[in-house]
C-alpha atoms as a PDB file:
ATOM      1  CA  MET A   1    -139.267-125.729 -51.650  1.00  0.00           C
ATOM      2  CA  ILE A   2    -139.490-123.532 -48.539  1.00  0.00           C
ATOM      3  CA  ALA A   3    -137.454-120.802 -50.240  1.00  0.00           C
ATOM      4  CA  ALA A   4    -139.800-120.857 -53.262  1.00  0.00           C
ATOM      5  CA  LEU A   5    -142.850-120.532 -51.025  1.00  0.00           C
ATOM      6  CA  ALA A   6    -141.198-117.679 -49.132  1.00  0.00           C
ATOM      7  CA  VAL A   7    -140.336-115.852 -52.362  1.00  0.00           C
ATOM      8  CA  ALA A   8    -143.870-116.419 -53.666  1.00  0.00           C
ATOM      9  CA  ALA A   9    -145.417-115.143 -50.420  1.00  0.00           C
ATOM     10  CA  ILE A  10    -143.275-111.994 -50.453  1.00  0.00           C
ATOM     11  CA  LEU A  11    -144.146-111.318 -54.101  1.00  0.00           C
ATOM     12  CA  VAL A  12    -147.879-111.929 -53.600  1.00  0.00           C
ATOM     13  CA  VAL A  13    -148.055-109.653 -50.564  1.00  0.00           C
ATOM     14  CA  GLY A  14    -145.906-107.008 -52.262  1.00  0.00           C
ATOM     15  CA  THR A  15    -147.904-106.938 -55.486  1.00  0.00           C
ATOM     16  CA  ILE A  16    -151.268-106.919 -53.707  1.00  0.00           C
ATOM     17  CA  PHE A  17    -150.113-104.059 -51.475  1.00  0.00           C
ATOM     18  CA  LEU A  18    -148.749-102.118 -54.457  1.00  0.00           C
ATOM     19  CA  HIS A  19    -151.981-102.664 -56.382  1.00  0.00           C
ATOM     20  CA  PHE A  20    -154.050-101.565 -53.391  1.00  0.00           C
ATOM     21  CA  VAL A  21    -152.047 -98.354 -52.936  1.00  0.00           C
ATOM     22  CA  VAL A  22    -152.298 -97.436 -56.619  1.00  0.00           C
ATOM     23  CA  LEU A  23    -156.052 -98.103 -56.781  1.00  0.00           C
ATOM     24  CA  LYS A  24    -156.704 -96.228 -53.540  1.00  0.00           C
ATOM     25  CA  THR A  25    -154.676 -93.257 -54.782  1.00  0.00           C
ATOM     26  CA  LEU A  26    -156.460 -93.238 -58.129  1.00  0.00           C
ATOM     27  CA  ALA A  27    -159.877 -93.410 -56.479  1.00  0.00           C
ATOM     28  CA  ALA A  28    -159.040 -90.572 -54.092  1.00  0.00           C
ATOM     29  CA  ARG A  29    -157.568 -88.337 -56.785  1.00  0.00           C
ATOM     30  CA  LEU A  30    -160.318 -88.921 -59.315  1.00  0.00           C
ATOM     31  CA  ASN A  31    -163.236 -88.591 -56.917  1.00  0.00           C
ATOM     32  CA  ASP A  32    -162.435 -84.991 -56.035  1.00  0.00           C
ATOM     33  CA  GLU A  33    -164.954 -82.375 -57.064  1.00  0.00           C
ATOM     34  CA  VAL A  34    -162.308 -80.535 -59.052  1.00  0.00           C
ATOM     35  CA  ARG A  35    -160.796 -82.972 -61.507  1.00  0.00           C
ATOM     36  CA  MET A  36    -157.105 -82.604 -62.149  1.00  0.00           C
ATOM     37  CA  PHE A  37    -157.274 -84.445 -65.474  1.00  0.00           C
ATOM     38  CA  LYS A  38    -159.295 -83.737 -68.572  1.00  0.00           C
ATOM     39  CA  ARG A  39    -159.603 -87.440 -69.438  1.00  0.00           C
ATOM     40  CA  PRO A  40    -159.587 -89.243 -66.063  1.00  0.00           C
ATOM     41  CA  LEU A  41    -160.392 -92.669 -67.474  1.00  0.00           C
ATOM     42  CA  LEU A  42    -157.268 -92.568 -69.628  1.00  0.00           C
ATOM     43  CA  VAL A  43    -155.263 -91.829 -66.488  1.00  0.00           C
ATOM     44  CA  VAL A  44    -156.838 -94.864 -64.801  1.00  0.00           C
ATOM     45  CA  LEU A  45    -156.039 -97.170 -67.710  1.00  0.00           C
ATOM     46  CA  LEU A  46    -152.463 -95.936 -68.104  1.00  0.00           C
ATOM     47  CA  ALA A  47    -151.818 -96.161 -64.361  1.00  0.00           C
ATOM     48  CA  LEU A  48    -153.199 -99.702 -64.234  1.00  0.00           C
ATOM     49  CA  PHE A  49    -151.111-100.746 -67.220  1.00  0.00           C
ATOM     50  CA  CYS A  50    -147.990 -99.328 -65.575  1.00  0.00           C
ATOM     51  CA  VAL A  51    -148.662-100.960 -62.208  1.00  0.00           C
ATOM     52  CA  HIS A  52    -149.136-104.337 -63.902  1.00  0.00           C
ATOM     53  CA  LEU A  53    -145.793-103.908 -65.669  1.00  0.00           C
ATOM     54  CA  VAL A  54    -144.113-103.073 -62.353  1.00  0.00           C
ATOM     55  CA  GLU A  55    -145.662-106.164 -60.759  1.00  0.00           C
ATOM     56  CA  VAL A  56    -144.434-108.329 -63.634  1.00  0.00           C
ATOM     57  CA  MET A  57    -140.961-106.838 -63.183  1.00  0.00           C
ATOM     58  CA  LEU A  58    -141.025-107.678 -59.459  1.00  0.00           C
ATOM     59  CA  TYR A  59    -141.657-111.314 -60.332  1.00  0.00           C
ATOM     60  CA  ALA A  60    -138.916-111.185 -62.982  1.00  0.00           C
ATOM     61  CA  PHE A  61    -136.458-110.007 -60.317  1.00  0.00           C
ATOM     62  CA  GLY A  62    -137.736-112.772 -58.046  1.00  0.00           C
ATOM     63  CA  PHE A  63    -137.020-115.402 -60.721  1.00  0.00           C
ATOM     64  CA  TYR A  64    -133.594-113.897 -61.326  1.00  0.00           C
ATOM     65  CA  ALA A  65    -132.784-113.940 -57.600  1.00  0.00           C
ATOM     66  CA  MET A  66    -133.964-117.529 -57.228  1.00  0.00           C
ATOM     67  CA  GLN A  67    -131.713-118.626 -60.062  1.00  0.00           C
ATOM     68  CA  GLU A  68    -128.735-116.654 -58.723  1.00  0.00           C
ATOM     69  CA  PHE A  69    -129.105-118.241 -55.273  1.00  0.00           C
ATOM     70  CA  GLY A  70    -129.611-121.736 -56.673  1.00  0.00           C
ATOM     71  CA  PHE A  71    -133.295-122.228 -55.814  1.00  0.00           C
ATOM     72  CA  GLY A  72    -134.282-123.437 -59.285  1.00  0.00           C
ATOM     73  CA  GLU A  73    -133.845-122.054 -62.731  1.00  0.00           C
ATOM     74  CA  ILE A  74    -135.537-120.933 -65.890  1.00  0.00           C
ATOM     75  CA  VAL A  75    -134.267-122.324 -69.185  1.00  0.00           C
ATOM     76  CA  ILE A  76    -134.849-121.566 -72.844  1.00  0.00           C
ATOM     77  CA  GLN A  77    -135.847-124.724 -74.682  1.00  0.00           C
ATOM     78  CA  GLY A  78    -133.027-125.925 -76.954  1.00  0.00           C
ATOM     79  CA  SER A  79    -130.548-123.205 -75.974  1.00  0.00           C
ATOM     80  CA  GLU A  80    -127.526-123.058 -73.709  1.00  0.00           C
ATOM     81  CA  THR A  81    -127.166-119.260 -73.744  1.00  0.00           C
ATOM     82  CA  PRO A  82    -127.463-117.484 -70.402  1.00  0.00           C
ATOM     83  CA  LEU A  83    -130.702-115.652 -69.750  1.00  0.00           C
ATOM     84  CA  LEU A  84    -130.947-111.883 -70.017  1.00  0.00           C
ATOM     85  CA  MET A  85    -133.213-109.760 -67.841  1.00  0.00           C
ATOM     86  CA  THR A  86    -135.534-109.434 -70.834  1.00  0.00           C
ATOM     87  CA  ASP A  87    -135.925-113.226 -70.814  1.00  0.00           C
ATOM     88  CA  TYR A  88    -136.965-113.157 -67.147  1.00  0.00           C
ATOM     89  CA  PHE A  89    -139.402-110.345 -67.912  1.00  0.00           C
ATOM     90  CA  TYR A  90    -140.828-112.237 -70.894  1.00  0.00           C
ATOM     91  CA  PHE A  91    -141.244-115.400 -68.830  1.00  0.00           C
ATOM     92  CA  SER A  92    -142.819-113.422 -66.008  1.00  0.00           C
ATOM     93  CA  ILE A  93    -145.334-111.666 -68.245  1.00  0.00           C
ATOM     94  CA  THR A  94    -146.385-114.957 -69.837  1.00  0.00           C
ATOM     95  CA  CYS A  95    -146.989-116.363 -66.356  1.00  0.00           C
ATOM     96  CA  TYR A  96    -148.708-113.241 -64.995  1.00  0.00           C
ATOM     97  CA  THR A  97    -151.153-113.088 -67.884  1.00  0.00           C
ATOM     98  CA  THR A  98    -151.586-116.904 -67.865  1.00  0.00           C
ATOM     99  CA  LEU A  99    -150.474-116.975 -71.518  1.00  0.00           C
ATOM    100  CA  GLY A 100    -147.861-119.655 -70.872  1.00  0.00           C
ATOM    101  CA  VAL A 101    -146.109-119.831 -74.250  1.00  0.00           C
ATOM    102  CA  GLY A 102    -143.707-122.612 -73.226  1.00  0.00           C
ATOM    103  CA  ASP A 103    -140.500-121.605 -75.003  1.00  0.00           C
ATOM    104  CA  ILE A 104    -138.992-120.661 -71.634  1.00  0.00           C
ATOM    105  CA  VAL A 105    -139.723-123.105 -68.830  1.00  0.00           C
ATOM    106  CA  PRO A 106    -139.174-123.198 -65.073  1.00  0.00           C
ATOM    107  CA  VAL A 107    -137.177-126.033 -63.553  1.00  0.00           C
ATOM    108  CA  GLY A 108    -137.293-127.013 -59.903  1.00  0.00           C
ATOM    109  CA  PRO A 109    -138.863-124.799 -57.237  1.00  0.00           C
ATOM    110  CA  THR A 110    -139.377-121.910 -59.664  1.00  0.00           C
ATOM    111  CA  ARG A 111    -142.321-123.924 -61.032  1.00  0.00           C
ATOM    112  CA  ILE A 112    -144.218-123.184 -57.820  1.00  0.00           C
ATOM    113  CA  VAL A 113    -143.511-119.462 -58.023  1.00  0.00           C
ATOM    114  CA  SER A 114    -144.569-119.335 -61.684  1.00  0.00           C
ATOM    115  CA  GLY A 115    -147.864-121.057 -60.866  1.00  0.00           C
ATOM    116  CA  ILE A 116    -148.527-118.708 -57.983  1.00  0.00           C
ATOM    117  CA  GLU A 117    -147.672-115.745 -60.231  1.00  0.00           C
ATOM    118  CA  ALA A 118    -150.351-116.904 -62.683  1.00  0.00           C
ATOM    119  CA  LEU A 119    -152.953-117.013 -59.917  1.00  0.00           C
ATOM    120  CA  ASN A 120    -151.805-113.660 -58.533  1.00  0.00           C
ATOM    121  CA  GLY A 121    -151.867-112.076 -61.988  1.00  0.00           C
ATOM    122  CA  LEU A 122    -155.349-113.401 -62.643  1.00  0.00           C
ATOM    123  CA  VAL A 123    -156.628-111.888 -59.398  1.00  0.00           C
ATOM    124  CA  LEU A 124    -154.902-108.529 -59.956  1.00  0.00           C
ATOM    125  CA  ILE A 125    -156.090-108.253 -63.558  1.00  0.00           C
ATOM    126  CA  ALA A 126    -159.658-109.017 -62.458  1.00  0.00           C
ATOM    127  CA  TRP A 127    -159.327-106.425 -59.684  1.00  0.00           C
ATOM    128  CA  SER A 128    -158.170-103.854 -62.253  1.00  0.00           C
ATOM    129  CA  ALA A 129    -161.068-104.701 -64.553  1.00  0.00           C
ATOM    130  CA  SER A 130    -163.637-104.261 -61.788  1.00  0.00           C
ATOM    131  CA  PHE A 131    -161.989-101.019 -60.685  1.00  0.00           C
ATOM    132  CA  THR A 132    -162.064 -99.724 -64.261  1.00  0.00           C
ATOM    133  CA  TYR A 133    -165.743-100.604 -64.535  1.00  0.00           C
ATOM    134  CA  TRP A 134    -166.444 -98.840 -61.228  1.00  0.00           C
ATOM    135  CA  MET A 135    -164.559 -95.731 -62.358  1.00  0.00           C
ATOM    136  CA  MET A 136    -166.343 -95.732 -65.725  1.00  0.00           C
ATOM    137  CA  GLU A 137    -169.690 -95.941 -63.971  1.00  0.00           C
ATOM    138  CA  ARG A 138    -168.822 -93.060 -61.635  1.00  0.00           C
ATOM    139  CA  LEU A 139    -167.124 -90.812 -64.181  1.00  0.00           C
ATOM    140  CA  TRP A 140    -169.486 -91.347 -67.090  1.00  0.00           C
ATOM    141  CA  THR A 141    -172.630 -91.084 -64.948  1.00  0.00           C
ATOM    142  CA  ASP A 142    -171.429 -87.759 -63.544  1.00  0.00           C
ATOM    143  CA  ASP A 143    -170.779 -86.396 -67.029  1.00  0.00           C
ATOM    144  CA  LEU A 144    -174.195 -87.262 -68.437  1.00  0.00           C
END
């Protein structure tokens, strides 16, 4: 239980920090008088998509590490085959986006981390949406 909370805390802090750095960098680069990009909003959307994928991958590695060190596991319903990294990524992205398909399920302390990932993903996706709105307002108002 303590290990799961520690893993969750490290992942939450790491993903929030990563998200903050990316958003701060985007805001600084795109607020310059001389724009480096012809379509800055596309850069924002692609960068946000990529940072979300990296954050999902961090959680996938966290789930993998927890299973390797015996702090819980993730299992495919009705299957005995060992999980691949793509399975961890799939499980992580369903948690992060709060989709929760249910064909791969956490067992033991990994349930806590998957729940915290859902909350973290919800917050980071909302942060990205508000940032995108802010950038649209700034970039499209300047162009008109």
